[in-house]
């Protein structure tokens, strides 16, 4: 699919549609001939002035001075994305991985405490 951690093709599809219309004049709902590789190329070329580009810029910001100046709406956008990403991470964290991690942690503590 894609490797950008700051947008999701499904979750952000309305932003993608609006961005394609703004930047390229392409109405994706009416498009019947575009191949997947062309779509991905155009998607990767969206600039920061498009709806998706603006949201990606907000979601990916790490500069504390810039973050301090965020509006309440920008903070909401960024927080919503971080919560969504955290929920996705937890959803993929399966019981088997949990059990394995707990066994490793237990072994580490036993070694540290020299308990056999």
C-alpha atoms as a PDB file:
ATOM      1  CA  UNK A   1       0.000   0.000   0.000  1.00  0.00           C
ATOM      2  CA  UNK A   2       1.711   3.125   1.197  1.00  0.00           C
ATOM      3  CA  UNK A   3       4.252   3.865   3.896  1.00  0.00           C
ATOM      4  CA  UNK A   4       3.165   7.300   5.083  1.00  0.00           C
ATOM      5  CA  UNK A   5       2.287   7.026   8.779  1.00  0.00           C
ATOM      6  CA  UNK A   6       0.350  10.306   8.735  1.00  0.00           C
ATOM      7  CA  UNK A   7      -2.596   9.382   6.541  1.00  0.00           C
ATOM      8  CA  UNK A   8      -4.757   6.383   5.854  1.00  0.00           C
ATOM      9  CA  UNK A   9      -6.272   5.655   2.445  1.00  0.00           C
ATOM     10  CA  UNK A  10      -9.643   4.676   3.902  1.00  0.00           C
ATOM     11  CA  UNK A  11      -9.912   6.998   6.904  1.00  0.00           C
ATOM     12  CA  UNK A  12      -8.756  10.032   4.911  1.00  0.00           C
ATOM     13  CA  UNK A  13     -10.440   9.273   1.601  1.00  0.00           C
ATOM     14  CA  UNK A  14     -12.612  12.406   1.662  1.00  0.00           C
ATOM     15  CA  UNK A  15      -9.469  14.522   2.156  1.00  0.00           C
ATOM     16  CA  UNK A  16      -7.808  12.643  -0.702  1.00  0.00           C
ATOM     17  CA  UNK A  17     -10.798  13.310  -2.964  1.00  0.00           C
ATOM     18  CA  UNK A  18     -10.824  17.003  -2.093  1.00  0.00           C
ATOM     19  CA  UNK A  19      -7.062  17.237  -2.592  1.00  0.00           C
ATOM     20  CA  UNK A  20      -7.153  15.593  -6.034  1.00  0.00           C
ATOM     21  CA  UNK A  21      -9.934  17.947  -7.076  1.00  0.00           C
ATOM     22  CA  UNK A  22      -8.058  20.995  -5.804  1.00  0.00           C
ATOM     23  CA  UNK A  23      -4.587  20.188  -7.112  1.00  0.00           C
ATOM     24  CA  UNK A  24      -5.294  18.193 -10.272  1.00  0.00           C
ATOM     25  CA  UNK A  25      -8.890  18.987 -11.140  1.00  0.00           C
ATOM     26  CA  UNK A  26      -9.634  15.244 -10.925  1.00  0.00           C
ATOM     27  CA  UNK A  27     -12.930  14.134  -9.402  1.00  0.00           C
ATOM     28  CA  UNK A  28     -12.047  10.650  -8.181  1.00  0.00           C
ATOM     29  CA  UNK A  29     -15.679   9.539  -7.851  1.00  0.00           C
ATOM     30  CA  UNK A  30     -16.100  10.097 -11.573  1.00  0.00           C
ATOM     31  CA  UNK A  31     -12.732   8.612 -12.569  1.00  0.00           C
ATOM     32  CA  UNK A  32     -12.997   5.179 -14.206  1.00  0.00           C
ATOM     33  CA  UNK A  33      -9.692   4.788 -16.039  1.00  0.00           C
ATOM     34  CA  UNK A  34      -6.977   5.600 -13.482  1.00  0.00           C
ATOM     35  CA  UNK A  35      -4.696   2.704 -12.609  1.00  0.00           C
ATOM     36  CA  UNK A  36      -3.497   2.108  -9.054  1.00  0.00           C
ATOM     37  CA  UNK A  37       0.123   3.089  -9.728  1.00  0.00           C
ATOM     38  CA  UNK A  38      -0.991   6.400 -11.246  1.00  0.00           C
ATOM     39  CA  UNK A  39      -3.253   7.062  -8.267  1.00  0.00           C
ATOM     40  CA  UNK A  40      -0.351   6.426  -5.866  1.00  0.00           C
ATOM     41  CA  UNK A  41       1.965   8.671  -7.899  1.00  0.00           C
ATOM     42  CA  UNK A  42      -0.534  11.521  -7.846  1.00  0.00           C
ATOM     43  CA  UNK A  43      -1.254  10.950  -4.167  1.00  0.00           C
ATOM     44  CA  UNK A  44       2.441  11.202  -3.302  1.00  0.00           C
ATOM     45  CA  UNK A  45       2.633  14.454  -5.271  1.00  0.00           C
ATOM     46  CA  UNK A  46      -0.048  16.278  -3.291  1.00  0.00           C
ATOM     47  CA  UNK A  47       1.299  19.486  -1.837  1.00  0.00           C
ATOM     48  CA  UNK A  48       0.858  20.981   1.615  1.00  0.00           C
ATOM     49  CA  UNK A  49      -1.780  23.419   0.419  1.00  0.00           C
ATOM     50  CA  UNK A  50      -4.314  20.653  -0.225  1.00  0.00           C
ATOM     51  CA  UNK A  51      -6.722  19.417   2.478  1.00  0.00           C
ATOM     52  CA  UNK A  52      -4.750  16.183   2.929  1.00  0.00           C
ATOM     53  CA  UNK A  53      -1.409  17.996   2.852  1.00  0.00           C
ATOM     54  CA  UNK A  54      -2.574  20.404   5.544  1.00  0.00           C
ATOM     55  CA  UNK A  55      -3.788  17.595   7.806  1.00  0.00           C
ATOM     56  CA  UNK A  56      -0.600  15.573   7.268  1.00  0.00           C
ATOM     57  CA  UNK A  57       1.460  18.636   8.198  1.00  0.00           C
ATOM     58  CA  UNK A  58      -0.519  18.992  11.448  1.00  0.00           C
ATOM     59  CA  UNK A  59      -0.327  15.275  12.293  1.00  0.00           C
ATOM     60  CA  UNK A  60       3.406  15.054  11.654  1.00  0.00           C
ATOM     61  CA  UNK A  61       4.529  18.217  13.452  1.00  0.00           C
ATOM     62  CA  UNK A  62       7.139  17.630  16.168  1.00  0.00           C
ATOM     63  CA  UNK A  63       8.564  21.127  16.754  1.00  0.00           C
ATOM     64  CA  UNK A  64       7.456  22.138  20.257  1.00  0.00           C
ATOM     65  CA  UNK A  65       7.394  25.842  19.380  1.00  0.00           C
ATOM     66  CA  UNK A  66       5.089  25.180  16.433  1.00  0.00           C
ATOM     67  CA  UNK A  67       2.924  22.868  18.558  1.00  0.00           C
ATOM     68  CA  UNK A  68       2.540  25.588  21.209  1.00  0.00           C
ATOM     69  CA  UNK A  69       1.074  27.873  18.554  1.00  0.00           C
ATOM     70  CA  UNK A  70      -1.455  25.307  17.280  1.00  0.00           C
ATOM     71  CA  UNK A  71      -5.085  26.343  17.312  1.00  0.00           C
ATOM     72  CA  UNK A  72      -7.586  24.208  19.224  1.00  0.00           C
ATOM     73  CA  UNK A  73      -8.689  22.688  15.884  1.00  0.00           C
ATOM     74  CA  UNK A  74      -5.108  21.794  14.951  1.00  0.00           C
ATOM     75  CA  UNK A  75      -4.600  20.220  18.381  1.00  0.00           C
ATOM     76  CA  UNK A  76      -7.814  18.224  17.914  1.00  0.00           C
ATOM     77  CA  UNK A  77      -6.680  16.952  14.504  1.00  0.00           C
ATOM     78  CA  UNK A  78      -3.293  15.895  15.864  1.00  0.00           C
ATOM     79  CA  UNK A  79      -4.717  14.319  19.041  1.00  0.00           C
ATOM     80  CA  UNK A  80      -7.408  12.420  17.140  1.00  0.00           C
ATOM     81  CA  UNK A  81      -4.747  10.963  14.837  1.00  0.00           C
ATOM     82  CA  UNK A  82      -2.480   9.978  17.722  1.00  0.00           C
ATOM     83  CA  UNK A  83      -5.387   8.271  19.511  1.00  0.00           C
ATOM     84  CA  UNK A  84      -6.335   6.460  16.312  1.00  0.00           C
ATOM     85  CA  UNK A  85      -2.762   5.279  15.756  1.00  0.00           C
ATOM     86  CA  UNK A  86      -2.491   4.088  19.376  1.00  0.00           C
ATOM     87  CA  UNK A  87      -5.774   2.166  19.036  1.00  0.00           C
ATOM     88  CA  UNK A  88      -4.529   0.553  15.805  1.00  0.00           C
ATOM     89  CA  UNK A  89      -1.320  -0.498  17.530  1.00  0.00           C
ATOM     90  CA  UNK A  90      -3.246  -2.063  20.400  1.00  0.00           C
ATOM     91  CA  UNK A  91      -5.625  -3.797  18.012  1.00  0.00           C
ATOM     92  CA  UNK A  92      -2.674  -5.544  16.364  1.00  0.00           C
ATOM     93  CA  UNK A  93      -1.094  -6.512  19.659  1.00  0.00           C
ATOM     94  CA  UNK A  94      -2.214 -10.125  19.956  1.00  0.00           C
ATOM     95  CA  UNK A  95      -2.369 -12.353  23.018  1.00  0.00           C
ATOM     96  CA  UNK A  96       0.509 -14.565  21.847  1.00  0.00           C
ATOM     97  CA  UNK A  97       2.850 -11.563  21.590  1.00  0.00           C
ATOM     98  CA  UNK A  98       1.702 -10.419  25.019  1.00  0.00           C
ATOM     99  CA  UNK A  99       2.399 -13.806  26.607  1.00  0.00           C
ATOM    100  CA  UNK A 100       5.836 -14.013  24.968  1.00  0.00           C
ATOM    101  CA  UNK A 101       6.702 -10.489  26.145  1.00  0.00           C
ATOM    102  CA  UNK A 102       5.588 -11.284  29.703  1.00  0.00           C
ATOM    103  CA  UNK A 103       7.713 -14.455  29.739  1.00  0.00           C
ATOM    104  CA  UNK A 104      10.748 -12.493  28.562  1.00  0.00           C
ATOM    105  CA  UNK A 105      10.101  -9.777  31.154  1.00  0.00           C
ATOM    106  CA  UNK A 106       9.715 -12.381  33.887  1.00  0.00           C
ATOM    107  CA  UNK A 107      13.000 -14.052  32.865  1.00  0.00           C
ATOM    108  CA  UNK A 108      14.742 -10.700  32.899  1.00  0.00           C
ATOM    109  CA  UNK A 109      13.504  -9.913  36.414  1.00  0.00           C
ATOM    110  CA  UNK A 110      14.501 -13.379  37.648  1.00  0.00           C
ATOM    111  CA  UNK A 111      17.998 -12.840  36.251  1.00  0.00           C
ATOM    112  CA  UNK A 112      18.232  -9.384  37.812  1.00  0.00           C
ATOM    113  CA  UNK A 113      17.103 -10.716  41.195  1.00  0.00           C
ATOM    114  CA  UNK A 114      19.159 -13.906  40.795  1.00  0.00           C
ATOM    115  CA  UNK A 115      16.054 -15.988  41.466  1.00  0.00           C
ATOM    116  CA  UNK A 116      16.215 -19.433  39.960  1.00  0.00           C
END
